[in-house]
């Protein structure tokens, strides 16, 4: 998981610097933790995004 997070951070920092590192990490962890339940993974991801949007909005 650490390797995946490192790769995602490299991509995020170069291509999407405006996207918070913490948000990408939370989404990746939600997907990983719920890989056997796609609906739960999707719900977790949507919650992370909604929290971010509410925070900046």
N, C-alpha and C. Protein backbone atom coordinates (compact mmCIF):
# COMPACT_ATOMS: atom_id res chain seq x y z
N UNK A 1 0.82 -1.19 0.00
CA UNK A 1 0.00 0.00 0.00
C UNK A 1 0.87 1.26 0.00
N UNK A 2 1.98 1.20 0.70
CA UNK A 2 2.87 2.37 0.75
C UNK A 2 3.41 2.72 -0.63
N UNK A 3 3.72 1.70 -1.43
CA UNK A 3 4.20 1.95 -2.79
C UNK A 3 3.12 2.62 -3.63
N UNK A 4 1.90 2.13 -3.51
CA UNK A 4 0.79 2.71 -4.25
C UNK A 4 0.60 4.18 -3.85
N UNK A 5 0.61 4.45 -2.56
CA UNK A 5 0.44 5.82 -2.10
C UNK A 5 1.57 6.72 -2.59
N UNK A 6 2.78 6.19 -2.64
CA UNK A 6 3.91 6.97 -3.14
C UNK A 6 3.75 7.30 -4.62
N UNK A 7 3.28 6.34 -5.40
CA UNK A 7 3.06 6.58 -6.83
C UNK A 7 1.93 7.59 -7.03
N UNK A 8 0.86 7.42 -6.28
CA UNK A 8 -0.25 8.36 -6.38
C UNK A 8 0.19 9.78 -6.00
N UNK A 9 1.02 9.90 -4.99
CA UNK A 9 1.52 11.21 -4.57
C UNK A 9 2.40 11.83 -5.65
N UNK A 10 3.21 11.02 -6.28
CA UNK A 10 4.06 11.53 -7.36
C UNK A 10 3.20 12.08 -8.50
N UNK A 11 2.19 11.33 -8.87
CA UNK A 11 1.28 11.77 -9.95
C UNK A 11 0.51 13.01 -9.52
N UNK A 12 -0.03 12.97 -8.30
CA UNK A 12 -0.83 14.10 -7.82
C UNK A 12 0.00 15.38 -7.78
N UNK A 13 1.21 15.30 -7.25
CA UNK A 13 2.02 16.50 -7.10
C UNK A 13 2.43 17.09 -8.45
N UNK A 14 2.61 16.26 -9.45
CA UNK A 14 3.00 16.75 -10.78
C UNK A 14 1.82 17.19 -11.62
N UNK A 15 0.76 16.39 -11.61
CA UNK A 15 -0.36 16.61 -12.52
C UNK A 15 -1.54 17.37 -11.89
N UNK A 16 -1.74 17.18 -10.59
CA UNK A 16 -2.91 17.75 -9.92
C UNK A 16 -2.53 18.37 -8.58
N UNK A 17 -1.66 19.38 -8.59
CA UNK A 17 -1.18 19.93 -7.33
C UNK A 17 -2.27 20.60 -6.48
N UNK A 18 -3.40 20.94 -7.09
CA UNK A 18 -4.48 21.58 -6.34
C UNK A 18 -5.32 20.58 -5.55
N UNK A 19 -5.18 19.30 -5.86
CA UNK A 19 -5.92 18.26 -5.14
C UNK A 19 -5.13 17.93 -3.87
N UNK A 20 -5.78 17.99 -2.72
CA UNK A 20 -5.06 17.72 -1.47
C UNK A 20 -4.55 16.28 -1.38
N UNK A 21 -3.34 16.14 -0.90
CA UNK A 21 -2.72 14.83 -0.71
C UNK A 21 -3.59 13.95 0.19
N UNK A 22 -4.13 14.53 1.24
CA UNK A 22 -4.94 13.78 2.20
C UNK A 22 -6.18 13.18 1.55
N UNK A 23 -6.77 13.92 0.62
CA UNK A 23 -7.96 13.42 -0.05
C UNK A 23 -7.62 12.19 -0.91
N UNK A 24 -6.53 12.26 -1.64
CA UNK A 24 -6.12 11.13 -2.47
C UNK A 24 -5.82 9.92 -1.59
N UNK A 25 -5.15 10.14 -0.48
CA UNK A 25 -4.84 9.04 0.44
C UNK A 25 -6.11 8.42 1.01
N UNK A 26 -7.06 9.25 1.42
CA UNK A 26 -8.31 8.73 1.98
C UNK A 26 -9.08 7.91 0.94
N UNK A 27 -9.10 8.38 -0.30
CA UNK A 27 -9.80 7.65 -1.35
C UNK A 27 -9.11 6.31 -1.61
N UNK A 28 -7.79 6.33 -1.71
CA UNK A 28 -7.05 5.09 -1.95
C UNK A 28 -7.27 4.09 -0.83
N UNK A 29 -7.23 4.56 0.40
CA UNK A 29 -7.43 3.67 1.54
C UNK A 29 -8.85 3.13 1.59
N UNK A 30 -9.82 3.97 1.26
CA UNK A 30 -11.21 3.51 1.21
C UNK A 30 -11.39 2.42 0.16
N UNK A 31 -10.80 2.63 -1.00
CA UNK A 31 -10.89 1.64 -2.06
C UNK A 31 -10.19 0.33 -1.65
N UNK A 32 -9.04 0.45 -1.05
CA UNK A 32 -8.29 -0.73 -0.62
C UNK A 32 -9.03 -1.50 0.48
N UNK A 33 -9.49 -0.77 1.49
CA UNK A 33 -10.16 -1.40 2.62
C UNK A 33 -11.47 -2.08 2.23
N UNK A 34 -12.08 -1.62 1.16
CA UNK A 34 -13.39 -2.14 0.76
C UNK A 34 -13.35 -2.80 -0.61
N UNK A 35 -12.22 -3.34 -0.99
CA UNK A 35 -12.09 -3.91 -2.33
C UNK A 35 -13.01 -5.11 -2.57
N UNK A 36 -13.49 -5.74 -1.51
CA UNK A 36 -14.42 -6.86 -1.67
C UNK A 36 -15.88 -6.41 -1.71
N UNK A 37 -16.12 -5.13 -1.49
CA UNK A 37 -17.47 -4.58 -1.51
C UNK A 37 -17.45 -3.26 -2.28
N UNK A 38 -17.64 -3.35 -3.58
CA UNK A 38 -17.52 -2.18 -4.45
C UNK A 38 -18.50 -1.07 -4.08
N UNK A 39 -19.69 -1.43 -3.63
CA UNK A 39 -20.64 -0.39 -3.24
C UNK A 39 -20.15 0.38 -2.03
N UNK A 40 -19.60 -0.32 -1.07
CA UNK A 40 -19.07 0.33 0.13
C UNK A 40 -17.86 1.20 -0.25
N UNK A 41 -17.02 0.70 -1.15
CA UNK A 41 -15.87 1.48 -1.60
C UNK A 41 -16.32 2.76 -2.30
N UNK A 42 -17.32 2.64 -3.15
CA UNK A 42 -17.85 3.80 -3.86
C UNK A 42 -18.45 4.81 -2.89
N UNK A 43 -19.20 4.31 -1.91
CA UNK A 43 -19.80 5.18 -0.91
C UNK A 43 -18.72 5.92 -0.12
N UNK A 44 -17.68 5.21 0.28
CA UNK A 44 -16.59 5.83 1.02
C UNK A 44 -15.90 6.91 0.21
N UNK A 45 -15.68 6.63 -1.06
CA UNK A 45 -15.06 7.61 -1.94
C UNK A 45 -15.94 8.85 -2.09
N UNK A 46 -17.21 8.64 -2.28
CA UNK A 46 -18.14 9.77 -2.41
C UNK A 46 -18.18 10.60 -1.13
N UNK A 47 -18.07 9.96 0.02
CA UNK A 47 -18.04 10.70 1.29
C UNK A 47 -16.80 11.57 1.40
N UNK A 48 -15.66 11.03 1.00
CA UNK A 48 -14.42 11.81 1.04
C UNK A 48 -14.54 13.03 0.12
N UNK A 49 -15.06 12.82 -1.06
CA UNK A 49 -15.21 13.93 -2.01
C UNK A 49 -16.21 14.96 -1.48
N UNK A 50 -17.33 14.50 -0.93
CA UNK A 50 -18.35 15.40 -0.39
C UNK A 50 -17.77 16.23 0.76
N UNK A 51 -16.99 15.61 1.63
CA UNK A 51 -16.37 16.35 2.73
C UNK A 51 -15.46 17.45 2.20
N UNK A 52 -14.69 17.12 1.17
CA UNK A 52 -13.78 18.10 0.58
C UNK A 52 -14.57 19.26 -0.05
N UNK A 53 -15.59 18.92 -0.81
CA UNK A 53 -16.39 19.96 -1.47
C UNK A 53 -17.07 20.85 -0.43
N UNK A 54 -17.60 20.27 0.61
CA UNK A 54 -18.24 21.05 1.67
C UNK A 54 -17.23 21.94 2.38
N UNK A 55 -16.03 21.45 2.53
CA UNK A 55 -14.98 22.21 3.21
C UNK A 55 -14.55 23.44 2.40
N UNK A 56 -14.44 23.28 1.08
CA UNK A 56 -13.97 24.40 0.25
C UNK A 56 -15.13 25.30 -0.21
N UNK A 57 -16.34 24.76 -0.13
CA UNK A 57 -17.51 25.48 -0.65
C UNK A 57 -18.02 26.47 0.28
